[in-house]
Amino acid sequence: MDMVRYIALFGLLMLPFSVAAASPAGQLTPGTPYYFDSFDPGQRPWTPGQGLNIEEVFKNYQYYEIRLGQDGKEITVNHYIRGSSAGSEKYQVLPDGSLQKNEP
């Protein structure tokens, strides 16, 4: 097999991995809590932003805990103010990377 075909085949084989890494779900491990100082579900595509470490979380007046569901298609967003729960919402991660709020 010549080099050009080899490189093209390798690129096709790696495509699923690069798409997954580019999606918001690809940046989060299912079931693991991640902490952020803000949450904007209107971003298209949605990105979680820069995460906070545990020390930064407790220094903030408010923060958001985001968990990716085991299926990789849903996130749960918990909002905290002064360490107390201020609400929780669930969103579907759509194929284009945007979020759609689950209705109760």
C-alpha atoms as a PDB file:
ATOM      1  CA  MET A   1       0.000   0.000   0.000  1.00  0.00           C
ATOM      2  CA  ASP A   2       1.469   3.367  -0.926  1.00  0.00           C
ATOM      3  CA  MET A   3       2.007   6.082   1.688  1.00  0.00           C
ATOM      4  CA  VAL A   4      -0.878   8.323   0.542  1.00  0.00           C
ATOM      5  CA  ARG A   5      -3.417   5.508   0.908  1.00  0.00           C
ATOM      6  CA  TYR A   6      -1.980   4.556   4.295  1.00  0.00           C
ATOM      7  CA  ILE A   7      -2.307   8.133   5.592  1.00  0.00           C
ATOM      8  CA  ALA A   8      -5.863   8.427   4.213  1.00  0.00           C
ATOM      9  CA  LEU A   9      -6.878   5.139   5.848  1.00  0.00           C
ATOM     10  CA  PHE A  10      -5.342   6.188   9.164  1.00  0.00           C
ATOM     11  CA  GLY A  11      -7.230   9.497   9.008  1.00  0.00           C
ATOM     12  CA  LEU A  12     -10.530   7.691   8.429  1.00  0.00           C
ATOM     13  CA  LEU A  13      -9.890   5.340  11.323  1.00  0.00           C
ATOM     14  CA  MET A  14      -9.100   8.234  13.667  1.00  0.00           C
ATOM     15  CA  LEU A  15     -12.163  10.312  12.675  1.00  0.00           C
ATOM     16  CA  PRO A  16     -14.501   8.895  15.373  1.00  0.00           C
ATOM     17  CA  PHE A  17     -11.944   9.721  18.064  1.00  0.00           C
ATOM     18  CA  SER A  18     -11.433  13.310  16.937  1.00  0.00           C
ATOM     19  CA  VAL A  19     -15.203  13.925  16.702  1.00  0.00           C
ATOM     20  CA  ALA A  20     -15.749  12.554  20.207  1.00  0.00           C
ATOM     21  CA  ALA A  21     -12.951  14.674  21.616  1.00  0.00           C
ATOM     22  CA  ALA A  22     -14.376  17.808  19.989  1.00  0.00           C
ATOM     23  CA  SER A  23     -17.854  17.353  21.451  1.00  0.00           C
ATOM     24  CA  PRO A  24     -18.687  18.650  24.940  1.00  0.00           C
ATOM     25  CA  ALA A  25     -19.488  15.112  26.044  1.00  0.00           C
ATOM     26  CA  GLY A  26     -16.000  14.059  24.925  1.00  0.00           C
ATOM     27  CA  GLN A  27     -14.471  16.458  27.455  1.00  0.00           C
ATOM     28  CA  LEU A  28     -16.314  14.991  30.465  1.00  0.00           C
ATOM     29  CA  THR A  29     -16.132  11.519  31.996  1.00  0.00           C
ATOM     30  CA  PRO A  30     -19.587  10.026  32.665  1.00  0.00           C
ATOM     31  CA  GLY A  31     -20.612  10.129  36.326  1.00  0.00           C
ATOM     32  CA  THR A  32     -17.716  12.346  37.418  1.00  0.00           C
ATOM     33  CA  PRO A  33     -18.609  15.743  38.949  1.00  0.00           C
ATOM     34  CA  TYR A  34     -16.989  18.793  37.349  1.00  0.00           C
ATOM     35  CA  TYR A  35     -17.198  22.284  38.843  1.00  0.00           C
ATOM     36  CA  PHE A  36     -17.515  25.625  37.049  1.00  0.00           C
ATOM     37  CA  ASP A  37     -18.083  29.234  38.079  1.00  0.00           C
ATOM     38  CA  SER A  38     -20.690  29.765  35.338  1.00  0.00           C
ATOM     39  CA  PHE A  39     -23.047  27.801  33.116  1.00  0.00           C
ATOM     40  CA  ASP A  40     -24.535  29.047  29.829  1.00  0.00           C
ATOM     41  CA  PRO A  41     -26.777  26.453  28.148  1.00  0.00           C
ATOM     42  CA  GLY A  42     -27.422  28.815  25.214  1.00  0.00           C
ATOM     43  CA  GLN A  43     -23.948  28.395  23.706  1.00  0.00           C
ATOM     44  CA  ARG A  44     -23.996  26.716  20.297  1.00  0.00           C
ATOM     45  CA  PRO A  45     -22.109  24.447  20.501  1.00  0.00           C
ATOM     46  CA  TRP A  46     -22.050  24.298  24.270  1.00  0.00           C
ATOM     47  CA  THR A  47     -18.679  24.008  25.960  1.00  0.00           C
ATOM     48  CA  PRO A  48     -18.214  23.501  29.680  1.00  0.00           C
ATOM     49  CA  GLY A  49     -15.481  26.136  29.976  1.00  0.00           C
ATOM     50  CA  GLN A  50     -12.583  26.163  32.403  1.00  0.00           C
ATOM     51  CA  GLY A  51     -13.161  23.849  35.350  1.00  0.00           C
ATOM     52  CA  LEU A  52     -12.513  24.694  38.981  1.00  0.00           C
ATOM     53  CA  ASN A  53     -10.488  22.581  41.366  1.00  0.00           C
ATOM     54  CA  ILE A  54     -12.019  21.698  44.735  1.00  0.00           C
ATOM     55  CA  GLU A  55     -10.282  24.563  46.577  1.00  0.00           C
ATOM     56  CA  GLU A  56     -11.625  27.105  44.085  1.00  0.00           C
ATOM     57  CA  VAL A  57     -15.142  25.676  44.387  1.00  0.00           C
ATOM     58  CA  PHE A  58     -15.411  26.418  48.081  1.00  0.00           C
ATOM     59  CA  LYS A  59     -13.968  29.925  47.687  1.00  0.00           C
ATOM     60  CA  ASN A  60     -16.743  30.903  45.235  1.00  0.00           C
ATOM     61  CA  TYR A  61     -20.046  32.389  46.332  1.00  0.00           C
ATOM     62  CA  GLN A  62     -21.804  30.328  43.662  1.00  0.00           C
ATOM     63  CA  TYR A  63     -20.752  27.483  41.404  1.00  0.00           C
ATOM     64  CA  TYR A  64     -22.164  24.790  39.133  1.00  0.00           C
ATOM     65  CA  GLU A  65     -21.607  21.057  39.344  1.00  0.00           C
ATOM     66  CA  ILE A  66     -22.002  19.290  36.004  1.00  0.00           C
ATOM     67  CA  ARG A  67     -22.201  15.518  35.554  1.00  0.00           C
ATOM     68  CA  LEU A  68     -22.386  13.696  32.255  1.00  0.00           C
ATOM     69  CA  GLY A  69     -24.840  10.774  32.250  1.00  0.00           C
ATOM     70  CA  GLN A  70     -23.600   7.248  31.683  1.00  0.00           C
ATOM     71  CA  ASP A  71     -24.980   7.304  28.118  1.00  0.00           C
ATOM     72  CA  GLY A  72     -23.011  10.475  27.293  1.00  0.00           C
ATOM     73  CA  LYS A  73     -26.148  12.181  25.985  1.00  0.00           C
ATOM     74  CA  GLU A  74     -27.451  13.931  29.097  1.00  0.00           C
ATOM     75  CA  ILE A  75     -25.931  16.300  31.637  1.00  0.00           C
ATOM     76  CA  THR A  76     -27.176  17.200  35.094  1.00  0.00           C
ATOM     77  CA  VAL A  77     -26.410  20.725  36.255  1.00  0.00           C
ATOM     78  CA  ASN A  78     -26.586  21.467  39.984  1.00  0.00           C
ATOM     79  CA  HIS A  79     -26.384  25.122  41.018  1.00  0.00           C
ATOM     80  CA  TYR A  80     -24.979  25.976  44.460  1.00  0.00           C
ATOM     81  CA  ILE A  81     -24.946  29.263  46.364  1.00  0.00           C
ATOM     82  CA  ARG A  82     -22.793  29.397  49.503  1.00  0.00           C
ATOM     83  CA  GLY A  83     -22.527  25.617  49.362  1.00  0.00           C
ATOM     84  CA  SER A  84     -26.301  25.064  49.445  1.00  0.00           C
ATOM     85  CA  SER A  85     -28.303  23.690  46.548  1.00  0.00           C
ATOM     86  CA  ALA A  86     -30.092  26.400  44.541  1.00  0.00           C
ATOM     87  CA  GLY A  87     -31.551  24.061  41.908  1.00  0.00           C
ATOM     88  CA  SER A  88     -30.906  21.249  39.485  1.00  0.00           C
ATOM     89  CA  GLU A  89     -31.655  20.871  35.775  1.00  0.00           C
ATOM     90  CA  LYS A  90     -31.107  18.164  33.175  1.00  0.00           C
ATOM     91  CA  TYR A  91     -30.185  18.766  29.539  1.00  0.00           C
ATOM     92  CA  GLN A  92     -29.895  16.549  26.483  1.00  0.00           C
ATOM     93  CA  VAL A  93     -26.645  16.937  24.535  1.00  0.00           C
ATOM     94  CA  LEU A  94     -27.779  17.217  20.898  1.00  0.00           C
ATOM     95  CA  PRO A  95     -25.688  15.935  17.956  1.00  0.00           C
ATOM     96  CA  ASP A  96     -24.667  19.513  17.023  1.00  0.00           C
ATOM     97  CA  GLY A  97     -23.229  20.055  20.517  1.00  0.00           C
ATOM     98  CA  SER A  98     -26.034  22.303  21.757  1.00  0.00           C
ATOM     99  CA  LEU A  99     -28.134  21.590  24.852  1.00  0.00           C
ATOM    100  CA  GLN A 100     -31.874  21.080  25.141  1.00  0.00           C
ATOM    101  CA  LYS A 101     -33.436  21.385  28.592  1.00  0.00           C
ATOM    102  CA  ASN A 102     -35.467  18.378  29.734  1.00  0.00           C
ATOM    103  CA  GLU A 103     -38.977  19.395  30.637  1.00  0.00           C
ATOM    104  CA  PRO A 104     -40.338  17.992  33.952  1.00  0.00           C
END
